[in-house]
Amino acid sequence: MTLAFLFPGQGSQSVGMGSSLVDAFSSAREVFAEVDDALGQKLSVLMREGPEDQLTLTENAQPALMAVSVAAMRALKAEFGVDVTAAAYVAGHSLGEYSALAAAGAISLADTARLLKLRGQAMQRAVPVGQGAMASLIGPKTDLALAEAAAAAGAEVGVCVVANDNNAGNIVISGDKAAVDRAIEKAKELGARAIPLNVSAPFHCPLMQPAADEMAAALADAEISLPLVPVVANVTARPESEPDVIRRLLVEQVTGRVRWRESVTWMASEGEVGRFVEVGSGKVLAGMAKRIAPDAESLSLNTPEDLEAFAASLG
């Protein structure tokens, strides 16, 4: 069965994530040690012990989530002989796209960690705390058309756009706080539930342009190789392999929409993927995949037992 590996984004972090992998596998410990060295900080200790408020900081959460995903992939190969080429595609949600690229050999682990640390810091610097906001529009009436209409109402008073098209019934908007507040009211009028998100900045909207500029400079110097398997990009919702295109799309991704629903839909239909395998912390993407492509199998690999069972299922 054709499969795709999926890599989670911010919000999937938790204190203790990856600990069972590190305790069981030297290959996972090596990943955590390499990330610590690349960043010059004991991120692995923060991941294991907390405190949670420090782990949740964007500049820590982004490389930490990547480290768990790559550790799981390295352990899968080292312990069970299954590498990334078992998949037809890889894809990651927002920062997870960097995890996908690292897993596919397009960017080195150390460079990925440093890029994500910078990405988190740049995103935090782009908009002063309290000036931006994000909100999740949810419920059976929530679709892209409703979210676009709500964002358009918000845009009458400031920047407001659809940031994450996750799946039908779960779409995130982002922008200036006053604009998002107005969009929330419009979304409620249209029949959606709207939940303000506890985030430190308004991600994936034009207010992130200063961060995109910083990432453009950093990515210009980064070595990007041809990935071992195509990466379905957030910005295009299509498989990409050309290093210069990947570089450009990673810059556009900072301000652009995460087209996750379209990405999974493309993989399930055009890519004929019948099995979506989320690798890393949490089970958010597997849940989304179930809703987007209900005929496909969706599972999450979080623990050594998960890795062993998955490898065994491949025969």
Protein backbone atom coordinates (compact mmCIF):
# COMPACT_ATOMS: atom_id res chain seq x y z
CA MET A 1 0.00 0.00 0.00
CA THR A 2 1.33 3.45 -0.94
CA LEU A 3 2.12 5.48 2.17
CA ALA A 4 3.11 8.99 3.17
CA PHE A 5 4.97 10.11 6.28
CA LEU A 6 3.50 13.20 7.98
CA PHE A 7 5.31 15.46 10.45
CA PRO A 8 3.47 17.53 13.10
CA GLY A 9 3.59 21.28 13.67
CA GLN A 10 3.45 23.59 16.64
CA GLY A 11 0.87 22.70 19.25
CA SER A 12 1.85 19.02 19.33
CA GLN A 13 4.65 19.63 21.86
CA SER A 14 4.47 18.25 25.39
CA VAL A 15 6.95 17.81 28.22
CA GLY A 16 8.40 14.32 28.01
CA MET A 17 7.90 13.96 24.26
CA GLY A 18 10.40 11.61 22.69
CA SER A 19 11.59 10.30 26.08
CA SER A 20 10.56 6.71 25.39
CA LEU A 21 12.47 6.78 22.07
CA VAL A 22 15.58 8.20 23.72
CA ASP A 23 15.42 5.64 26.54
CA ALA A 24 15.08 2.76 24.07
CA PHE A 25 17.29 3.67 21.11
CA SER A 26 20.83 5.01 20.81
CA SER A 27 19.94 6.35 17.36
CA ALA A 28 17.31 8.62 18.95
CA ARG A 29 19.76 9.76 21.65
CA GLU A 30 22.23 10.71 18.95
CA VAL A 31 19.63 12.92 17.26
CA PHE A 32 18.87 14.78 20.48
CA ALA A 33 22.59 15.22 21.21
CA GLU A 34 23.24 16.57 17.71
CA VAL A 35 20.39 19.07 18.03
CA ASP A 36 21.71 20.19 21.44
CA ASP A 37 25.17 20.71 19.93
CA ALA A 38 23.83 22.58 16.90
CA LEU A 39 21.86 24.99 19.08
CA GLY A 40 24.34 25.31 21.93
CA GLN A 41 21.59 24.61 24.46
CA LYS A 42 20.29 21.60 26.38
CA LEU A 43 17.02 21.44 24.47
CA SER A 44 16.79 17.71 25.24
CA VAL A 45 16.65 18.45 28.99
CA LEU A 46 13.91 21.03 28.44
CA MET A 47 11.99 18.48 26.37
CA ARG A 48 12.23 15.83 29.07
CA GLU A 49 11.80 17.94 32.19
CA GLY A 50 10.15 21.23 31.16
CA PRO A 51 9.04 23.69 32.32
CA GLU A 52 6.20 23.61 29.83
CA ASP A 53 6.08 27.39 29.37
CA GLN A 54 9.70 27.34 28.17
CA LEU A 55 9.16 24.37 25.86
CA THR A 56 6.11 26.10 24.37
CA LEU A 57 8.14 29.18 23.36
CA THR A 58 8.16 29.18 19.57
CA GLU A 59 11.97 29.19 19.31
CA ASN A 60 12.14 26.03 21.46
CA ALA A 61 9.01 24.19 20.33
CA GLN A 62 9.95 24.28 16.65
CA PRO A 63 13.37 22.55 16.83
CA ALA A 64 12.11 20.28 19.63
CA LEU A 65 9.23 18.89 17.58
CA MET A 66 11.57 18.38 14.63
CA ALA A 67 14.03 16.52 16.85
CA VAL A 68 11.37 14.06 18.02
CA SER A 69 10.20 13.40 14.45
CA VAL A 70 13.72 12.84 13.12
CA ALA A 71 14.63 10.70 16.13
CA ALA A 72 11.66 8.44 15.39
CA MET A 73 12.63 8.18 11.72
CA ARG A 74 16.28 7.43 12.56
CA ALA A 75 15.20 4.74 15.05
CA LEU A 76 12.81 3.26 12.51
CA LYS A 77 15.73 2.81 10.11
CA ALA A 78 18.40 1.78 12.60
CA GLU A 79 16.31 -0.66 14.61
CA PHE A 80 13.79 -1.96 12.10
CA GLY A 81 15.33 -1.36 8.67
CA VAL A 82 12.59 0.98 7.44
CA ASP A 83 13.74 4.29 5.99
CA VAL A 84 12.02 7.30 4.46
CA THR A 85 12.00 5.71 1.01
CA ALA A 86 9.27 3.35 2.23
CA ALA A 87 7.00 6.32 1.54
CA ALA A 88 5.98 7.82 -1.78
CA TYR A 89 5.74 11.30 -0.21
CA VAL A 90 6.54 13.21 2.96
CA ALA A 91 4.71 16.29 4.21
CA GLY A 92 4.77 18.42 7.34
CA HIS A 93 2.41 20.95 8.86
CA SER A 94 4.11 24.37 8.99
CA LEU A 95 7.39 23.76 10.89
CA GLY A 96 6.79 20.07 10.18
CA GLU A 97 7.80 20.76 6.59
CA TYR A 98 11.35 21.23 7.90
CA SER A 99 11.09 17.88 9.70
CA ALA A 100 9.96 16.31 6.43
CA LEU A 101 12.91 17.82 4.58
CA ALA A 102 15.36 16.63 7.26
CA ALA A 103 13.84 13.14 7.23
CA ALA A 104 14.12 13.06 3.43
CA GLY A 105 17.80 14.05 3.54
CA ALA A 106 17.30 17.45 1.89
CA ILE A 107 18.65 19.48 4.84
CA SER A 108 21.10 18.26 7.47
CA LEU A 109 19.82 17.74 11.00
CA ALA A 110 22.09 20.46 12.44
CA ASP A 111 21.09 22.99 9.78
CA THR A 112 17.40 22.16 10.26
CA ALA A 113 17.68 22.74 14.00
CA ARG A 114 19.41 26.09 13.51
CA LEU A 115 16.94 27.21 10.84
CA LEU A 116 13.98 26.37 13.06
CA LYS A 117 15.49 28.16 16.05
CA LEU A 118 15.93 31.25 13.88
CA ARG A 119 12.45 30.81 12.37
CA GLY A 120 10.89 30.76 15.83
CA GLN A 121 12.83 33.82 16.96
CA ALA A 122 12.08 35.70 13.73
CA MET A 123 8.37 34.97 13.97
CA GLN A 124 8.33 36.22 17.56
CA ARG A 125 10.18 39.41 16.61
CA ALA A 126 7.94 40.17 13.63
CA VAL A 127 4.89 41.30 15.63
CA PRO A 128 4.88 42.65 19.20
CA VAL A 129 3.06 40.38 21.65
CA GLY A 130 -0.62 41.33 21.89
CA GLN A 131 -0.87 43.07 18.51
CA GLY A 132 -1.67 39.92 16.54
CA ALA A 133 -4.06 37.03 17.07
CA MET A 134 -5.20 33.72 15.65
CA ALA A 135 -8.49 31.89 15.98
CA SER A 136 -9.75 28.44 15.07
CA LEU A 137 -13.08 28.24 13.27
CA ILE A 138 -14.68 24.89 13.92
CA GLY A 139 -17.93 23.03 13.53
CA PRO A 140 -19.93 21.27 10.80
CA LYS A 141 -20.72 24.51 8.98
CA THR A 142 -17.06 25.56 8.82
CA ASP A 143 -15.58 25.34 5.36
CA LEU A 144 -13.12 27.41 3.38
CA ALA A 145 -15.84 29.67 1.96
CA LEU A 146 -17.11 30.53 5.44
CA ALA A 147 -13.58 31.16 6.70
CA GLU A 148 -12.80 33.39 3.71
CA ALA A 149 -15.97 35.39 4.35
CA ALA A 150 -15.08 35.81 8.03
CA ALA A 151 -11.53 36.85 7.16
CA ALA A 152 -12.84 39.35 4.61
CA ALA A 153 -14.98 40.95 7.32
CA GLY A 154 -11.94 41.18 9.58
CA ALA A 155 -9.83 42.63 6.77
CA GLU A 156 -12.05 45.73 6.79
CA VAL A 157 -10.22 46.86 9.93
CA GLY A 158 -6.77 45.27 9.52
CA VAL A 159 -4.83 42.30 8.25
CA CYS A 160 -6.86 39.08 8.46
CA VAL A 161 -6.42 35.95 6.34
CA VAL A 162 -6.98 32.21 6.38
CA ALA A 163 -3.74 30.83 7.82
CA ASN A 164 -4.32 27.08 8.06
CA ASP A 165 -6.84 25.19 5.95
CA ASN A 166 -6.58 22.07 8.12
CA ASN A 167 -9.71 20.14 7.19
CA ALA A 168 -13.43 20.76 6.80
CA GLY A 169 -14.61 21.89 10.21
CA ASN A 170 -11.19 23.18 11.31
CA ILE A 171 -9.77 26.33 9.71
CA VAL A 172 -7.51 28.91 11.37
CA ILE A 173 -7.46 32.64 10.71
CA SER A 174 -4.64 35.04 11.58
CA GLY A 175 -3.88 38.76 11.59
CA ASP A 176 -4.21 41.96 13.59
CA LYS A 177 -6.05 41.40 16.86
CA ALA A 178 -8.89 43.81 16.10
CA ALA A 179 -9.35 42.26 12.65
CA VAL A 180 -9.41 38.72 14.03
CA ASP A 181 -11.90 39.78 16.70
CA ARG A 182 -14.21 41.09 14.00
CA ALA A 183 -13.71 37.93 11.93
CA ILE A 184 -14.68 35.84 14.96
CA GLU A 185 -17.97 37.70 15.24
CA LYS A 186 -18.65 37.24 11.53
CA ALA A 187 -17.83 33.53 11.74
CA LYS A 188 -20.31 33.12 14.59
CA GLU A 189 -22.97 34.91 12.55
CA LEU A 190 -22.32 32.43 9.74
CA GLY A 191 -22.77 29.44 12.05
CA ALA A 192 -19.23 28.50 13.05
CA ARG A 193 -17.73 28.22 16.50
CA ALA A 194 -14.65 30.41 16.92
CA ILE A 195 -11.96 29.83 19.51
CA PRO A 196 -9.14 32.36 20.03
CA LEU A 197 -5.82 30.52 20.08
CA ASN A 198 -3.21 30.95 22.80
CA VAL A 199 -0.33 31.82 20.48
CA SER A 200 2.48 34.32 20.81
CA ALA A 201 2.24 35.71 17.27
CA PRO A 202 -0.08 35.71 14.22
CA PHE A 203 1.55 33.01 12.10
CA HIS A 204 1.05 32.49 8.34
CA CYS A 205 -0.20 35.95 7.51
CA PRO A 206 1.31 39.06 5.87
CA LEU A 207 2.32 40.46 9.29
CA MET A 208 5.05 37.80 9.28
CA GLN A 209 6.88 39.46 6.35
CA PRO A 210 9.83 40.58 8.53
CA ALA A 211 10.28 36.95 9.56
CA ALA A 212 10.07 35.84 5.93
CA ASP A 213 12.83 38.32 5.09
CA GLU A 214 15.04 36.88 7.84
CA MET A 215 14.39 33.35 6.65
CA ALA A 216 15.16 34.32 3.05
CA ALA A 217 18.62 35.45 4.14
CA ALA A 218 19.22 32.32 6.22
CA LEU A 219 17.91 29.92 3.58
CA ALA A 220 20.03 31.57 0.90
CA ASP A 221 23.09 30.23 2.72
CA ALA A 222 21.60 26.85 3.62
CA GLU A 223 22.61 23.72 1.73
CA ILE A 224 19.51 22.02 0.33
CA SER A 225 19.84 18.73 -1.55
CA LEU A 226 17.43 16.73 -3.66
CA PRO A 227 15.10 14.95 -1.17
CA LEU A 228 15.05 11.15 -1.26
CA VAL A 229 11.27 11.34 -1.72
CA PRO A 230 9.17 14.31 -2.86
CA VAL A 231 7.97 16.75 -0.21
CA VAL A 232 4.36 17.92 -0.55
CA ALA A 233 4.74 21.62 0.19
CA ASN A 234 2.37 23.67 2.35
CA VAL A 235 2.32 26.54 -0.13
CA THR A 236 1.58 24.56 -3.30
CA ALA A 237 -0.10 21.42 -1.91
CA ARG A 238 1.92 19.52 -4.52
CA PRO A 239 5.09 17.39 -4.43
CA GLU A 240 8.33 19.34 -4.78
CA SER A 241 11.89 18.10 -5.19
CA GLU A 242 13.90 20.90 -6.82
CA PRO A 243 16.17 22.44 -4.12
CA ASP A 244 15.79 26.05 -5.32
CA VAL A 245 12.01 25.68 -5.43
CA ILE A 246 12.02 24.21 -1.91
CA ARG A 247 14.14 27.16 -0.72
CA ARG A 248 11.68 29.67 -2.21
CA LEU A 249 8.62 27.89 -0.85
CA LEU A 250 10.06 27.78 2.68
CA VAL A 251 10.29 31.58 2.56
CA GLU A 252 6.76 31.93 1.15
CA GLN A 253 5.47 29.53 3.80
CA VAL A 254 6.18 32.02 6.60
CA THR A 255 3.46 34.40 5.37
CA GLY A 256 1.51 31.92 3.25
CA ARG A 257 -1.40 29.61 3.92
CA VAL A 258 -0.83 26.06 5.15
CA ARG A 259 -2.87 24.18 2.55
CA TRP A 260 -3.07 20.99 4.57
CA ARG A 261 -6.52 19.80 3.46
CA GLU A 262 -5.49 20.17 -0.17
CA SER A 263 -2.14 18.46 0.46
CA VAL A 264 -3.71 15.36 2.00
CA THR A 265 -6.47 15.33 -0.62
CA TRP A 266 -3.86 15.40 -3.40
CA MET A 267 -1.84 12.60 -1.84
CA ALA A 268 -4.92 10.42 -1.35
CA SER A 269 -6.31 10.99 -4.84
CA GLU A 270 -3.57 11.87 -7.34
CA GLY A 271 -0.80 10.31 -5.28
CA GLU A 272 -2.86 7.19 -4.49
CA VAL A 273 -1.72 7.18 -0.86
CA GLY A 274 -3.70 4.68 1.18
CA ARG A 275 -1.81 5.00 4.45
CA PHE A 276 -0.88 8.20 6.29
CA VAL A 277 1.74 7.72 8.99
CA GLU A 278 2.33 10.60 11.42
CA VAL A 279 5.82 10.51 12.93
CA GLY A 280 6.78 12.37 16.09
CA SER A 281 4.80 13.93 18.91
CA GLY A 282 1.03 13.67 19.18
CA LYS A 283 -1.73 12.44 16.89
CA VAL A 284 -3.14 15.66 15.43
CA LEU A 285 -2.24 15.01 11.79
CA ALA A 286 -3.46 11.42 11.83
CA GLY A 287 -6.81 12.72 13.05
CA MET A 288 -6.92 15.32 10.30
CA ALA A 289 -6.02 12.70 7.68
CA LYS A 290 -8.90 10.51 8.86
CA ARG A 291 -11.32 13.37 8.29
CA ILE A 292 -9.86 14.43 4.94
CA ALA A 293 -9.30 10.96 3.46
CA PRO A 294 -11.62 8.60 5.37
CA ASP A 295 -10.92 5.68 3.03
CA ALA A 296 -7.21 5.74 3.86
CA GLU A 297 -5.59 4.29 6.96
CA SER A 298 -4.14 6.81 9.41
CA LEU A 299 -1.81 6.09 12.31
CA SER A 300 0.72 7.79 14.58
CA LEU A 301 4.20 6.65 15.57
CA ASN A 302 5.06 8.02 19.02
CA THR A 303 6.65 5.15 20.96
CA PRO A 304 9.09 2.26 20.42
CA GLU A 305 6.11 -0.08 20.37
CA ASP A 306 4.49 2.01 17.62
CA LEU A 307 7.66 1.81 15.52
CA GLU A 308 7.96 -1.95 15.96
CA ALA A 309 4.31 -2.58 15.09
CA PHE A 310 4.51 -0.35 12.03
CA ALA A 311 7.68 -2.05 10.76
CA ALA A 312 6.08 -5.44 11.27
CA SER A 313 3.01 -4.34 9.32
CA LEU A 314 5.20 -3.68 6.28
CA GLY A 315 6.13 -7.34 6.19
